[in-house]
């Protein structure tokens, strides 16, 4: 019984910590994961990341186009 109670307490504490340190800041728009190391802006504003994202989107579009075309057999 005490093992179950301990596990329940640990679960509730981890859920509370996840909410207060992760979910609540993200809902307010203050997500630390999107910040650059210098603190000058978000990672999405990084030029190299934007170029990489554009390249990957183009590649995904090309692959989807290939997969929708019938096989020439």
PDB file of N, CA and C in Angstrom:
ATOM      1  N   UNK A   1       0.819  -1.195   0.000  1.00  0.00           N
ATOM      2  CA  UNK A   1       0.000   0.000   0.000  1.00  0.00           C
ATOM      3  C   UNK A   1       0.861   1.256   0.000  1.00  0.00           C
ATOM      4  N   UNK A   2       1.918   1.281   0.808  1.00  0.00           N
ATOM      5  CA  UNK A   2       2.750   2.479   0.862  1.00  0.00           C
ATOM      6  C   UNK A   2       3.507   2.700  -0.438  1.00  0.00           C
ATOM      7  N   UNK A   3       3.818   1.614  -1.144  1.00  0.00           N
ATOM      8  CA  UNK A   3       4.473   1.750  -2.451  1.00  0.00           C
ATOM      9  C   UNK A   3       3.564   2.421  -3.453  1.00  0.00           C
ATOM     10  N   UNK A   4       2.292   2.084  -3.407  1.00  0.00           N
ATOM     11  CA  UNK A   4       1.323   2.696  -4.314  1.00  0.00           C
ATOM     12  C   UNK A   4       1.125   4.169  -3.984  1.00  0.00           C
ATOM     13  N   UNK A   5       1.060   4.490  -2.715  1.00  0.00           N
ATOM     14  CA  UNK A   5       0.889   5.882  -2.294  1.00  0.00           C
ATOM     15  C   UNK A   5       2.114   6.701  -2.689  1.00  0.00           C
ATOM     16  N   UNK A   6       3.299   6.143  -2.495  1.00  0.00           N
ATOM     17  CA  UNK A   6       4.532   6.827  -2.873  1.00  0.00           C
ATOM     18  C   UNK A   6       4.577   7.070  -4.377  1.00  0.00           C
ATOM     19  N   UNK A   7       4.196   6.070  -5.153  1.00  0.00           N
ATOM     20  CA  UNK A   7       4.176   6.213  -6.609  1.00  0.00           C
ATOM     21  C   UNK A   7       3.167   7.274  -7.031  1.00  0.00           C
ATOM     22  N   UNK A   8       2.022   7.320  -6.366  1.00  0.00           N
ATOM     23  CA  UNK A   8       1.012   8.325  -6.681  1.00  0.00           C
ATOM     24  C   UNK A   8       1.511   9.726  -6.345  1.00  0.00           C
ATOM     25  N   UNK A   9       2.178   9.866  -5.235  1.00  0.00           N
ATOM     26  CA  UNK A   9       2.719  11.176  -4.847  1.00  0.00           C
ATOM     27  C   UNK A   9       3.793  11.628  -5.838  1.00  0.00           C
ATOM     28  N   UNK A  10       4.669  10.733  -6.234  1.00  0.00           N
ATOM     29  CA  UNK A  10       5.704  11.068  -7.217  1.00  0.00           C
ATOM     30  C   UNK A  10       5.071  11.459  -8.548  1.00  0.00           C
ATOM     31  N   UNK A  11       4.039  10.750  -8.967  1.00  0.00           N
ATOM     32  CA  UNK A  11       3.338  11.069 -10.209  1.00  0.00           C
ATOM     33  C   UNK A  11       2.721  12.461 -10.142  1.00  0.00           C
ATOM     34  N   UNK A  12       2.040  12.752  -9.048  1.00  0.00           N
ATOM     35  CA  UNK A  12       1.400  14.064  -8.912  1.00  0.00           C
ATOM     36  C   UNK A  12       2.420  15.195  -8.865  1.00  0.00           C
ATOM     37  N   UNK A  13       3.531  14.973  -8.187  1.00  0.00           N
ATOM     38  CA  UNK A  13       4.582  15.995  -8.135  1.00  0.00           C
ATOM     39  C   UNK A  13       5.210  16.224  -9.512  1.00  0.00           C
ATOM     40  N   UNK A  14       5.408  15.161 -10.267  1.00  0.00           N
ATOM     41  CA  UNK A  14       5.987  15.321 -11.604  1.00  0.00           C
ATOM     42  C   UNK A  14       5.015  16.016 -12.553  1.00  0.00           C
ATOM     43  N   UNK A  15       3.730  15.719 -12.434  1.00  0.00           N
ATOM     44  CA  UNK A  15       2.740  16.416 -13.258  1.00  0.00           C
ATOM     45  C   UNK A  15       2.671  17.896 -12.896  1.00  0.00           C
ATOM     46  N   UNK A  16       2.720  18.204 -11.612  1.00  0.00           N
ATOM     47  CA  UNK A  16       2.689  19.604 -11.186  1.00  0.00           C
ATOM     48  C   UNK A  16       3.927  20.351 -11.668  1.00  0.00           C
ATOM     49  N   UNK A  17       5.092  19.727 -11.552  1.00  0.00           N
ATOM     50  CA  UNK A  17       6.325  20.367 -12.015  1.00  0.00           C
ATOM     51  C   UNK A  17       6.295  20.582 -13.526  1.00  0.00           C
ATOM     52  N   UNK A  18       5.794  19.596 -14.270  1.00  0.00           N
ATOM     53  CA  UNK A  18       5.695  19.746 -15.728  1.00  0.00           C
ATOM     54  C   UNK A  18       4.764  20.887 -16.096  1.00  0.00           C
ATOM     55  N   UNK A  19       3.674  21.011 -15.379  1.00  0.00           N
ATOM     56  CA  UNK A  19       2.745  22.100 -15.675  1.00  0.00           C
ATOM     57  C   UNK A  19       3.384  23.451 -15.376  1.00  0.00           C
ATOM     58  N   UNK A  20       3.946  23.617 -14.182  1.00  0.00           N
ATOM     59  CA  UNK A  20       4.462  24.926 -13.788  1.00  0.00           C
ATOM     60  C   UNK A  20       5.709  25.340 -14.554  1.00  0.00           C
ATOM     61  N   UNK A  21       6.571  24.392 -14.927  1.00  0.00           N
ATOM     62  CA  UNK A  21       7.814  24.754 -15.596  1.00  0.00           C
ATOM     63  C   UNK A  21       7.781  24.599 -17.111  1.00  0.00           C
ATOM     64  N   UNK A  22       6.786  23.903 -17.662  1.00  0.00           N
ATOM     65  CA  UNK A  22       6.740  23.681 -19.110  1.00  0.00           C
ATOM     66  C   UNK A  22       5.461  24.218 -19.752  1.00  0.00           C
ATOM     67  N   UNK A  23       4.330  23.709 -19.316  1.00  0.00           N
ATOM     68  CA  UNK A  23       3.067  24.043 -19.974  1.00  0.00           C
ATOM     69  C   UNK A  23       2.673  25.494 -19.745  1.00  0.00           C
ATOM     70  N   UNK A  24       2.735  25.952 -18.505  1.00  0.00           N
ATOM     71  CA  UNK A  24       2.314  27.312 -18.184  1.00  0.00           C
ATOM     72  C   UNK A  24       3.158  28.360 -18.920  1.00  0.00           C
ATOM     73  N   UNK A  25       4.497  28.252 -18.951  1.00  0.00           N
ATOM     74  CA  UNK A  25       5.271  29.242 -19.713  1.00  0.00           C
ATOM     75  C   UNK A  25       4.989  29.193 -21.217  1.00  0.00           C
ATOM     76  N   UNK A  26       4.754  27.981 -21.760  1.00  0.00           N
ATOM     77  CA  UNK A  26       4.459  27.885 -23.191  1.00  0.00           C
ATOM     78  C   UNK A  26       3.127  28.543 -23.522  1.00  0.00           C
ATOM     79  N   UNK A  27       2.140  28.395 -22.649  1.00  0.00           N
ATOM     80  CA  UNK A  27       0.841  29.022 -22.887  1.00  0.00           C
ATOM     81  C   UNK A  27       0.936  30.535 -22.852  1.00  0.00           C
ATOM     82  N   UNK A  28       1.890  31.065 -22.074  1.00  0.00           N
ATOM     83  CA  UNK A  28       2.094  32.509 -22.004  1.00  0.00           C
ATOM     84  C   UNK A  28       3.014  33.005 -23.113  1.00  0.00           C
ATOM     85  N   UNK A  29       3.590  32.096 -23.901  1.00  0.00           N
ATOM     86  CA  UNK A  29       4.471  32.486 -24.998  1.00  0.00           C
ATOM     87  C   UNK A  29       5.900  32.716 -24.574  1.00  0.00           C
ATOM     88  N   UNK A  30       6.320  32.141 -23.472  1.00  0.00           N
ATOM     89  CA  UNK A  30       7.682  32.322 -22.982  1.00  0.00           C
ATOM     90  C   UNK A  30       8.418  30.994 -22.944  1.00  0.00           C
ATOM     91  N   UNK A  31       8.437  30.294 -24.036  1.00  0.00           N
ATOM     92  CA  UNK A  31       9.074  28.983 -24.070  1.00  0.00           C
ATOM     93  C   UNK A  31      10.588  29.146 -24.181  1.00  0.00           C
ATOM     94  N   UNK A  32      11.318  28.584 -23.253  1.00  0.00           N
ATOM     95  CA  UNK A  32      12.771  28.699 -23.246  1.00  0.00           C
ATOM     96  C   UNK A  32      13.409  27.881 -24.358  1.00  0.00           C
ATOM     97  N   UNK A  33      12.727  26.879 -24.864  1.00  0.00           N
ATOM     98  CA  UNK A  33      13.301  26.038 -25.906  1.00  0.00           C
ATOM     99  C   UNK A  33      13.445  26.795 -27.220  1.00  0.00           C
ATOM    100  N   UNK A  34      12.679  27.841 -27.435  1.00  0.00           N
ATOM    101  CA  UNK A  34      12.741  28.588 -28.679  1.00  0.00           C
ATOM    102  C   UNK A  34      13.700  29.752 -28.649  1.00  0.00           C
ATOM    103  N   UNK A  35      14.449  29.942 -27.577  1.00  0.00           N
ATOM    104  CA  UNK A  35      15.365  31.063 -27.461  1.00  0.00           C
ATOM    105  C   UNK A  35      16.748  30.691 -27.971  1.00  0.00           C
ATOM    106  N   UNK A  36      17.415  31.657 -28.595  1.00  0.00           N
ATOM    107  CA  UNK A  36      18.799  31.463 -28.992  1.00  0.00           C
ATOM    108  C   UNK A  36      19.696  31.592 -27.768  1.00  0.00           C
ATOM    109  N   UNK A  37      20.901  31.091 -27.865  1.00  0.00           N
ATOM    110  CA  UNK A  37      21.821  31.143 -26.730  1.00  0.00           C
ATOM    111  C   UNK A  37      22.144  32.581 -26.342  1.00  0.00           C
ATOM    112  N   UNK A  38      22.197  33.471 -27.325  1.00  0.00           N
ATOM    113  CA  UNK A  38      22.525  34.863 -27.030  1.00  0.00           C
ATOM    114  C   UNK A  38      21.334  35.614 -26.444  1.00  0.00           C
ATOM    115  N   UNK A  39      20.142  35.061 -26.582  1.00  0.00           N
ATOM    116  CA  UNK A  39      18.952  35.701 -26.050  1.00  0.00           C
ATOM    117  C   UNK A  39      18.431  36.828 -26.913  1.00  0.00           C
ATOM    118  N   UNK A  40      18.909  36.912 -28.169  1.00  0.00           N
ATOM    119  CA  UNK A  40      18.504  38.008 -29.041  1.00  0.00           C
ATOM    120  C   UNK A  40      17.192  37.744 -29.753  1.00  0.00           C
ATOM    121  N   UNK A  41      16.759  36.530 -29.813  1.00  0.00           N
ATOM    122  CA  UNK A  41      15.515  36.226 -30.500  1.00  0.00           C
ATOM    123  C   UNK A  41      15.209  34.750 -30.424  1.00  0.00           C
ATOM    124  N   UNK A  42      14.226  34.333 -31.170  1.00  0.00           N
ATOM    125  CA  UNK A  42      13.866  32.917 -31.162  1.00  0.00           C
ATOM    126  C   UNK A  42      14.655  32.175 -32.216  1.00  0.00           C
ATOM    127  N   UNK A  43      14.660  30.875 -32.111  1.00  0.00           N
ATOM    128  CA  UNK A  43      15.401  30.044 -33.050  1.00  0.00           C
ATOM    129  C   UNK A  43      14.833  30.165 -34.457  1.00  0.00           C
ATOM    130  N   UNK A  44      13.553  30.481 -34.592  1.00  0.00           N
ATOM    131  CA  UNK A  44      12.944  30.618 -35.909  1.00  0.00           C
ATOM    132  C   UNK A  44      13.473  31.830 -36.659  1.00  0.00           C
ATOM    133  N   UNK A  45      14.035  32.789 -35.954  1.00  0.00           N
ATOM    134  CA  UNK A  45      14.568  33.980 -36.600  1.00  0.00           C
ATOM    135  C   UNK A  45      15.993  33.765 -37.106  1.00  0.00           C
ATOM    136  N   UNK A  46      16.581  32.650 -36.794  1.00  0.00           N
ATOM    137  CA  UNK A  46      17.921  32.327 -37.251  1.00  0.00           C
ATOM    138  C   UNK A  46      17.875  32.057 -38.751  1.00  0.00           C
ATOM    139  N   UNK A  47      18.698  32.753 -39.519  1.00  0.00           N
ATOM    140  CA  UNK A  47      18.651  32.654 -40.980  1.00  0.00           C
ATOM    141  C   UNK A  47      18.955  31.239 -41.465  1.00  0.00           C
ATOM    142  N   UNK A  48      19.946  30.594 -40.899  1.00  0.00           N
ATOM    143  CA  UNK A  48      20.299  29.244 -41.332  1.00  0.00           C
ATOM    144  C   UNK A  48      19.162  28.264 -41.052  1.00  0.00           C
ATOM    145  N   UNK A  49      18.497  28.427 -39.923  1.00  0.00           N
ATOM    146  CA  UNK A  49      17.381  27.547 -39.596  1.00  0.00           C
ATOM    147  C   UNK A  49      16.220  27.776 -40.557  1.00  0.00           C
ATOM    148  N   UNK A  50      15.985  29.020 -40.929  1.00  0.00           N
ATOM    149  CA  UNK A  50      14.904  29.314 -41.873  1.00  0.00           C
ATOM    150  C   UNK A  50      15.200  28.701 -43.243  1.00  0.00           C
ATOM    151  N   UNK A  51      16.460  28.792 -43.683  1.00  0.00           N
ATOM    152  CA  UNK A  51      16.829  28.206 -44.974  1.00  0.00           C
ATOM    153  C   UNK A  51      16.705  26.683 -44.938  1.00  0.00           C
ATOM    154  N   UNK A  52      17.120  26.087 -43.834  1.00  0.00           N
ATOM    155  CA  UNK A  52      17.007  24.626 -43.692  1.00  0.00           C
ATOM    156  C   UNK A  52      15.542  24.200 -43.686  1.00  0.00           C
ATOM    157  N   UNK A  53      14.695  24.953 -43.013  1.00  0.00           N
ATOM    158  CA  UNK A  53      13.268  24.635 -42.976  1.00  0.00           C
ATOM    159  C   UNK A  53      12.661  24.738 -44.371  1.00  0.00           C
ATOM    160  N   UNK A  54      13.037  25.750 -45.123  1.00  0.00           N
ATOM    161  CA  UNK A  54      12.519  25.910 -46.483  1.00  0.00           C
ATOM    162  C   UNK A  54      12.974  24.751 -47.376  1.00  0.00           C
ATOM    163  N   UNK A  55      14.241  24.355 -47.223  1.00  0.00           N
ATOM    164  CA  UNK A  55      14.757  23.240 -48.018  1.00  0.00           C
ATOM    165  C   UNK A  55      14.022  21.950 -47.683  1.00  0.00           C
ATOM    166  N   UNK A  56      13.782  21.707 -46.412  1.00  0.00           N
ATOM    167  CA  UNK A  56      13.086  20.486 -45.999  1.00  0.00           C
ATOM    168  C   UNK A  56      11.625  20.485 -46.454  1.00  0.00           C
ATOM    169  N   UNK A  57      10.974  21.644 -46.414  1.00  0.00           N
ATOM    170  CA  UNK A  57       9.594  21.725 -46.897  1.00  0.00           C
ATOM    171  C   UNK A  57       9.520  21.416 -48.383  1.00  0.00           C
ATOM    172  N   UNK A  58      10.496  21.927 -49.150  1.00  0.00           N
ATOM    173  CA  UNK A  58      10.523  21.641 -50.582  1.00  0.00           C
ATOM    174  C   UNK A  58      10.759  20.160 -50.833  1.00  0.00           C
ATOM    175  N   UNK A  59      11.619  19.552 -50.039  1.00  0.00           N
ATOM    176  CA  UNK A  59      11.885  18.120 -50.184  1.00  0.00           C
ATOM    177  C   UNK A  59      10.650  17.293 -49.848  1.00  0.00           C
ATOM    178  N   UNK A  60       9.921  17.666 -48.807  1.00  0.00           N
ATOM    179  CA  UNK A  60       8.696  16.955 -48.438  1.00  0.00           C
ATOM    180  C   UNK A  60       7.659  17.077 -49.542  1.00  0.00           C
ATOM    181  N   UNK A  61       7.535  18.273 -50.111  1.00  0.00           N
ATOM    182  CA  UNK A  61       6.581  18.478 -51.204  1.00  0.00           C
ATOM    183  C   UNK A  61       6.939  17.602 -52.399  1.00  0.00           C
ATOM    184  N   UNK A  62       8.227  17.526 -52.734  1.00  0.00           N
ATOM    185  CA  UNK A  62       8.659  16.696 -53.859  1.00  0.00           C
ATOM    186  C   UNK A  62       8.381  15.225 -53.586  1.00  0.00           C
ATOM    187  N   UNK A  63       8.632  14.774 -52.369  1.00  0.00           N
ATOM    188  CA  UNK A  63       8.370  13.370 -52.039  1.00  0.00           C
ATOM    189  C   UNK A  63       6.883  13.048 -52.073  1.00  0.00           C
ATOM    190  N   UNK A  64       6.054  13.974 -51.617  1.00  0.00           N
ATOM    191  CA  UNK A  64       4.605  13.743 -51.671  1.00  0.00           C
ATOM    192  C   UNK A  64       4.124  13.684 -53.111  1.00  0.00           C
ATOM    193  N   UNK A  65       4.694  14.535 -53.965  1.00  0.00           N
ATOM    194  CA  UNK A  65       4.316  14.521 -55.381  1.00  0.00           C
ATOM    195  C   UNK A  65       4.708  13.192 -56.011  1.00  0.00           C
ATOM    196  N   UNK A  66       5.897  12.701 -55.678  1.00  0.00           N
ATOM    197  CA  UNK A  66       6.345  11.411 -56.205  1.00  0.00           C
ATOM    198  C   UNK A  66       5.443  10.273 -55.750  1.00  0.00           C
ATOM    199  N   UNK A  67       5.016  10.315 -54.504  1.00  0.00           N
ATOM    200  CA  UNK A  67       4.235   9.206 -53.976  1.00  0.00           C
ATOM    201  C   UNK A  67       2.803   9.202 -54.519  1.00  0.00           C
ATOM    202  N   UNK A  68       2.298  10.343 -54.974  1.00  0.00           N
ATOM    203  CA  UNK A  68       0.941  10.381 -55.500  1.00  0.00           C
ATOM    204  C   UNK A  68       0.877  10.000 -56.982  1.00  0.00           C
ATOM    205  N   UNK A  69       2.011  10.022 -57.682  1.00  0.00           N
ATOM    206  CA  UNK A  69       2.028   9.663 -59.085  1.00  0.00           C
ATOM    207  C   UNK A  69       2.003   8.141 -59.212  1.00  0.00           C
ATOM    208  N   UNK A  70       1.249   7.621 -60.189  1.00  0.00           N
ATOM    209  CA  UNK A  70       1.183   6.154 -60.361  1.00  0.00           C
ATOM    210  C   UNK A  70       2.522   5.610 -60.860  1.00  0.00           C
ATOM    211  N   UNK A  71       2.821   4.372 -60.485  1.00  0.00           N
ATOM    212  CA  UNK A  71       4.061   3.712 -60.932  1.00  0.00           C
ATOM    213  C   UNK A  71       3.949   3.368 -62.404  1.00  0.00           C
ATOM    214  N   UNK A  72       4.962   3.743 -63.212  1.00  0.00           N
ATOM    215  CA  UNK A  72       4.929   3.396 -64.659  1.00  0.00           C
ATOM    216  C   UNK A  72       5.412   1.958 -64.861  1.00  0.00           C
ATOM    217  N   UNK A  73       4.513   0.990 -64.757  1.00  0.00           N
ATOM    218  CA  UNK A  73       4.895  -0.431 -64.938  1.00  0.00           C
ATOM    219  C   UNK A  73       4.348  -0.979 -66.201  1.00  0.00           C
TER     220      UNK A  73
END
